[in-house]
């Protein structure tokens, strides 16, 4: 079906993952004063922007996708959709998404979405992904935008809470992405994408995964320290972060199958970020005072 192709090119799984974190950021900032119209507009607008970025990314990456086993059946590689059609689809989605945010949310949410889009499409997809081992770090900025945009849409400000979310989700992206690069090592190697495991080896990637999970664990506690979340959130943050760290450290065992281990780290990263997004939504608090804001 033609409609199915237009859906597939937007990477629905990525859209859904971003939707969860967007709602988490929005409800954290709402503090029980939920505006359903604003929430729906924020989710719809950001989902359309993310879909647009993914469609355009598929156009840019079609040569890479043809060399990777897991992406060889994408519609632009198989020829089921033309690059021109995918690009036009991406532009229409982007215009609809940015218009939705501009009309029904606020300038900060719109600027967050625009920042994430430009980083993902312009900096990461067009250059950093192909040219630098630091492409993952740059890409993590765009991946951290949805919860921040959700927060800014609800609060109307960029304050210490938004900054903590940006830090948290940037740090989370790194072990998540490195784990993918390990269990998809042959794909990245075949496509000549300079991710850390391919450039510096799996041992270095394992070390970076542990360090980033440690940094992420500390960052999650900042929401409690600054009064944005309560003890329920704290319990979940500690439990998930420590279990994720334990899982990462198990990669140093001599009997470890690196691909199996990396898949486990990857899947638990999704559980971790989903659990935290839910707890931000249900256990958010009004801080006694906000340190700074824009």
Protein backbone atom coordinates (compact mmCIF):
# COMPACT_ATOMS: atom_id res chain seq x y z
CA UNK A 1 0.00 0.00 0.00
CA UNK A 2 1.17 3.48 -0.87
CA UNK A 3 0.14 4.84 2.53
CA UNK A 4 2.31 2.24 4.27
CA UNK A 5 5.40 3.46 2.39
CA UNK A 6 4.77 7.02 3.50
CA UNK A 7 4.46 5.82 7.09
CA UNK A 8 7.57 3.61 6.98
CA UNK A 9 9.81 6.39 5.69
CA UNK A 10 9.06 8.43 8.86
CA UNK A 11 10.43 5.68 11.21
CA UNK A 12 7.33 5.24 13.46
CA UNK A 13 9.34 3.58 16.25
CA UNK A 14 11.47 6.70 16.68
CA UNK A 15 8.37 8.90 16.67
CA UNK A 16 6.73 6.80 19.38
CA UNK A 17 9.84 6.86 21.59
CA UNK A 18 10.07 10.63 21.29
CA UNK A 19 6.36 10.94 22.05
CA UNK A 20 6.82 9.24 25.43
CA UNK A 21 9.65 11.56 26.49
CA UNK A 22 7.76 14.61 25.19
CA UNK A 23 4.75 13.78 27.34
CA UNK A 24 7.05 13.16 30.32
CA UNK A 25 8.66 16.59 29.97
CA UNK A 26 5.30 18.27 29.43
CA UNK A 27 3.66 16.71 32.49
CA UNK A 28 6.73 17.42 34.64
CA UNK A 29 6.33 21.13 33.87
CA UNK A 30 2.52 21.06 34.15
CA UNK A 31 2.64 20.21 37.88
CA UNK A 32 -0.93 18.91 37.88
CA UNK A 33 -2.39 21.81 35.87
CA UNK A 34 -2.93 19.85 32.68
CA UNK A 35 -3.96 21.70 29.53
CA UNK A 36 -5.12 18.91 27.20
CA UNK A 37 -5.31 21.14 24.13
CA UNK A 38 -1.76 22.33 24.62
CA UNK A 39 -0.55 18.78 25.26
CA UNK A 40 -2.16 17.45 22.09
CA UNK A 41 -0.79 20.35 20.03
CA UNK A 42 2.70 19.80 21.46
CA UNK A 43 2.66 16.06 20.83
CA UNK A 44 1.21 16.46 17.34
CA UNK A 45 3.60 19.24 16.35
CA UNK A 46 6.72 17.52 17.63
CA UNK A 47 5.69 14.16 16.16
CA UNK A 48 5.29 15.79 12.75
CA UNK A 49 8.69 17.50 13.04
CA UNK A 50 10.37 14.24 14.07
CA UNK A 51 8.64 12.43 11.21
CA UNK A 52 9.87 15.11 8.82
CA UNK A 53 13.46 14.78 10.05
CA UNK A 54 13.32 10.99 9.69
CA UNK A 55 11.93 11.15 6.15
CA UNK A 56 14.64 13.59 5.06
CA UNK A 57 17.27 11.52 6.87
CA UNK A 58 16.15 8.48 4.85
CA UNK A 59 16.77 10.47 1.67
CA UNK A 60 20.24 11.48 2.81
CA UNK A 61 21.19 8.02 4.06
CA UNK A 62 19.88 5.89 1.21
CA UNK A 63 23.42 5.07 0.00
CA UNK A 64 24.43 4.03 3.52
CA UNK A 65 21.21 2.08 4.04
CA UNK A 66 21.93 0.02 0.92
CA UNK A 67 25.13 -1.29 2.54
CA UNK A 68 23.60 -2.21 5.92
CA UNK A 69 21.72 -5.49 6.39
CA UNK A 70 19.09 -4.05 8.74
CA UNK A 71 18.20 -1.16 6.40
CA UNK A 72 18.39 -2.79 2.97
CA UNK A 73 14.61 -3.20 2.86
CA UNK A 74 13.82 0.46 3.48
CA UNK A 75 11.54 1.87 0.81
CA UNK A 76 14.12 4.23 -0.67
CA UNK A 77 16.64 1.39 -1.02
CA UNK A 78 14.19 -1.04 -2.62
CA UNK A 79 12.83 1.65 -4.93
CA UNK A 80 9.28 1.41 -3.57
CA UNK A 81 9.42 5.17 -3.01
CA UNK A 82 11.41 7.75 -4.93
CA UNK A 83 13.78 10.17 -3.12
CA UNK A 84 11.77 13.05 -4.58
CA UNK A 85 8.51 11.75 -3.08
CA UNK A 86 10.15 11.10 0.31
CA UNK A 87 11.72 14.54 0.37
CA UNK A 88 8.44 16.24 -0.53
CA UNK A 89 6.71 14.18 2.15
CA UNK A 90 9.32 15.30 4.68
CA UNK A 91 8.93 18.97 3.81
CA UNK A 92 5.13 18.83 4.08
CA UNK A 93 5.33 17.09 7.47
CA UNK A 94 7.88 19.63 8.68
CA UNK A 95 5.77 22.61 7.61
CA UNK A 96 2.71 21.10 9.31
CA UNK A 97 4.67 20.37 12.49
CA UNK A 98 6.30 23.78 12.81
CA UNK A 99 3.01 25.52 11.99
CA UNK A 100 1.23 23.51 14.70
CA UNK A 101 3.84 24.46 17.29
CA UNK A 102 3.87 28.12 16.19
CA UNK A 103 0.08 28.50 16.35
CA UNK A 104 -0.84 26.45 19.40
CA UNK A 105 2.22 26.33 21.67
CA UNK A 106 4.87 29.00 22.25
CA UNK A 107 8.07 30.42 20.80
CA UNK A 108 10.34 28.41 23.10
CA UNK A 109 8.81 25.07 22.10
CA UNK A 110 9.04 26.08 18.45
CA UNK A 111 12.70 27.10 18.82
CA UNK A 112 13.52 23.81 20.58
CA UNK A 113 11.96 21.84 17.74
CA UNK A 114 13.77 23.92 15.12
CA UNK A 115 17.08 23.47 16.94
CA UNK A 116 16.65 19.70 17.13
CA UNK A 117 15.61 19.49 13.48
CA UNK A 118 18.58 21.52 12.22
CA UNK A 119 21.04 19.53 14.32
CA UNK A 120 19.63 16.16 13.18
CA UNK A 121 19.21 16.93 9.49
CA UNK A 122 21.79 19.62 8.85
CA UNK A 123 24.70 18.81 11.15
CA UNK A 124 24.35 15.13 12.02
CA UNK A 125 22.85 13.52 8.90
CA UNK A 126 24.64 15.60 6.27
CA UNK A 127 28.08 15.67 7.86
CA UNK A 128 28.94 14.37 11.34
CA UNK A 129 27.47 10.87 10.94
CA UNK A 130 29.70 10.21 7.94
CA UNK A 131 32.82 12.12 8.92
CA UNK A 132 33.42 12.05 12.69
CA UNK A 133 33.47 9.70 15.64
CA UNK A 134 31.78 12.54 17.53
CA UNK A 135 28.70 12.27 15.35
CA UNK A 136 26.93 10.29 18.09
CA UNK A 137 27.52 13.11 20.58
CA UNK A 138 26.16 15.72 18.18
CA UNK A 139 23.17 13.52 17.38
CA UNK A 140 22.42 13.16 21.08
CA UNK A 141 21.52 16.86 21.18
CA UNK A 142 18.69 16.39 18.72
CA UNK A 143 17.55 13.24 20.52
CA UNK A 144 17.27 15.19 23.79
CA UNK A 145 15.06 17.92 22.34
CA UNK A 146 11.55 16.33 22.60
CA UNK A 147 11.30 16.25 26.45
CA UNK A 148 12.80 19.75 26.64
CA UNK A 149 10.34 21.05 24.03
CA UNK A 150 7.49 19.41 25.94
CA UNK A 151 8.67 21.03 29.16
CA UNK A 152 9.01 24.47 27.52
CA UNK A 153 5.58 24.17 25.88
CA UNK A 154 3.94 23.60 29.28
CA UNK A 155 6.01 26.03 31.35
CA UNK A 156 6.67 28.79 28.84
CA UNK A 157 10.27 29.06 30.02
CA UNK A 158 13.68 27.48 29.73
CA UNK A 159 14.88 27.10 33.31
CA UNK A 160 17.04 24.77 35.36
CA UNK A 161 14.43 22.00 34.96
CA UNK A 162 14.68 22.18 31.16
CA UNK A 163 18.48 22.23 31.35
CA UNK A 164 18.49 19.09 33.53
CA UNK A 165 16.24 17.29 31.03
CA UNK A 166 18.57 18.29 28.19
CA UNK A 167 21.56 16.94 30.11
CA UNK A 168 19.79 13.73 31.15
CA UNK A 169 18.59 12.78 27.71
CA UNK A 170 21.86 13.73 26.00
CA UNK A 171 23.76 11.45 28.38
CA UNK A 172 21.21 8.66 27.94
CA UNK A 173 21.59 8.73 24.16
CA UNK A 174 25.30 7.88 24.28
CA UNK A 175 25.30 4.36 25.84
CA UNK A 176 22.04 3.65 24.00
CA UNK A 177 23.66 4.49 20.64
CA UNK A 178 27.01 2.82 21.38
CA UNK A 179 25.18 -0.39 22.30
CA UNK A 180 23.44 -0.35 18.91
CA UNK A 181 26.77 0.23 17.19
CA UNK A 182 28.25 -2.83 18.94
CA UNK A 183 25.53 -5.35 18.09
CA UNK A 184 25.26 -3.82 14.59
CA UNK A 185 29.06 -3.58 14.28
CA UNK A 186 29.27 -5.29 10.87
CA UNK A 187 26.61 -3.00 9.43
CA UNK A 188 28.40 0.15 10.53
CA UNK A 189 31.73 -1.24 9.35
CA UNK A 190 30.28 -2.12 5.93
CA UNK A 191 28.73 1.33 5.58
CA UNK A 192 31.98 2.99 6.74
CA UNK A 193 30.22 4.98 9.45
CA UNK A 194 32.85 6.17 12.00
CA UNK A 195 31.08 5.19 15.21
CA UNK A 196 33.22 4.64 18.30
CA UNK A 197 33.25 0.80 18.31
CA UNK A 198 34.38 0.73 14.67
CA UNK A 199 36.99 3.50 15.02
CA UNK A 200 38.44 2.79 18.46
CA UNK A 201 37.27 -0.74 19.20
CA UNK A 202 34.60 -2.42 21.28
CA UNK A 203 36.68 -2.27 24.48
CA UNK A 204 36.80 1.53 24.31
CA UNK A 205 33.07 1.63 23.59
CA UNK A 206 32.36 -0.53 26.65
CA UNK A 207 34.34 1.86 28.83
CA UNK A 208 32.46 4.85 27.43
CA UNK A 209 29.12 3.11 27.99
CA UNK A 210 29.93 2.62 31.69
CA UNK A 211 31.12 6.22 32.12
CA UNK A 212 28.08 7.68 30.38
CA UNK A 213 25.68 5.56 32.44
CA UNK A 214 27.40 6.82 35.61
CA UNK A 215 27.04 10.42 34.42
CA UNK A 216 23.41 9.78 33.46
CA UNK A 217 22.68 8.33 36.91
CA UNK A 218 24.01 11.49 38.55
CA UNK A 219 22.04 13.72 36.17
CA UNK A 220 18.76 11.94 36.96
CA UNK A 221 19.19 12.86 40.63
CA UNK A 222 19.33 16.57 39.81
CA UNK A 223 15.56 16.69 39.29
CA UNK A 224 15.14 15.64 42.92
CA UNK A 225 17.98 17.85 44.19
CA UNK A 226 16.42 20.93 42.61
CA UNK A 227 12.92 20.02 43.76
CA UNK A 228 11.32 19.08 40.45
CA UNK A 229 10.56 15.45 41.34
CA UNK A 230 9.78 13.44 44.47
CA UNK A 231 10.89 10.26 46.19
CA UNK A 232 8.91 7.95 43.92
CA UNK A 233 10.85 9.25 40.95
CA UNK A 234 14.06 9.01 42.99
CA UNK A 235 13.47 5.33 43.77
CA UNK A 236 12.84 4.47 40.13
CA UNK A 237 15.80 6.56 38.93
CA UNK A 238 18.18 4.84 41.35
CA UNK A 239 16.85 1.34 40.63
CA UNK A 240 16.97 1.64 36.84
CA UNK A 241 20.31 3.46 36.70
CA UNK A 242 22.03 0.98 39.03
CA UNK A 243 20.64 -2.02 37.17
CA UNK A 244 21.68 -0.51 33.84
CA UNK A 245 25.17 0.11 35.26
CA UNK A 246 25.36 -3.47 36.59
CA UNK A 247 24.37 -4.72 33.15
CA UNK A 248 27.03 -2.55 31.49
CA UNK A 249 29.75 -3.77 33.87
CA UNK A 250 28.86 -7.39 33.07
CA UNK A 251 30.32 -6.74 29.64
CA UNK A 252 33.81 -7.12 31.11
CA UNK A 253 33.32 -10.83 31.87
CA UNK A 254 35.53 -13.08 29.75
CA UNK A 255 32.56 -15.23 28.78
CA UNK A 256 30.57 -12.27 27.44
CA UNK A 257 29.14 -12.41 23.94
CA UNK A 258 29.48 -8.76 22.97
CA UNK A 259 26.51 -8.74 20.60
CA UNK A 260 24.15 -10.37 23.10
CA UNK A 261 25.40 -8.09 25.88
CA UNK A 262 25.00 -4.96 23.74
CA UNK A 263 21.42 -5.90 22.85
CA UNK A 264 20.62 -6.27 26.55
CA UNK A 265 22.15 -2.87 27.32
CA UNK A 266 20.20 -1.35 24.44
CA UNK A 267 16.83 -2.83 25.43
CA UNK A 268 17.27 -1.86 29.07
CA UNK A 269 18.11 1.69 28.00
CA UNK A 270 14.60 1.89 26.53
CA UNK A 271 13.09 0.53 29.74
CA UNK A 272 15.08 3.07 31.75
CA UNK A 273 14.07 6.14 29.77
CA UNK A 274 10.43 5.02 29.59
CA UNK A 275 10.27 4.44 33.35
CA UNK A 276 11.82 7.85 34.08
CA UNK A 277 9.47 9.60 31.64
CA UNK A 278 6.49 8.01 33.39
CA UNK A 279 7.77 8.91 36.85
CA UNK A 280 8.47 12.50 35.80
CA UNK A 281 4.84 12.69 34.77
CA UNK A 282 3.33 11.19 37.95
CA UNK A 283 5.78 12.41 40.59
CA UNK A 284 6.65 15.90 39.44
CA UNK A 285 6.71 18.68 42.05
CA UNK A 286 6.73 22.44 42.15
CA UNK A 287 10.25 23.50 43.16
CA UNK A 288 10.51 25.89 46.10
CA UNK A 289 12.29 28.34 43.82
CA UNK A 290 13.63 28.20 40.30
CA UNK A 291 17.31 29.04 40.13
CA UNK A 292 17.27 30.73 36.75
CA UNK A 293 15.18 30.95 33.62
CA UNK A 294 15.03 32.34 30.11
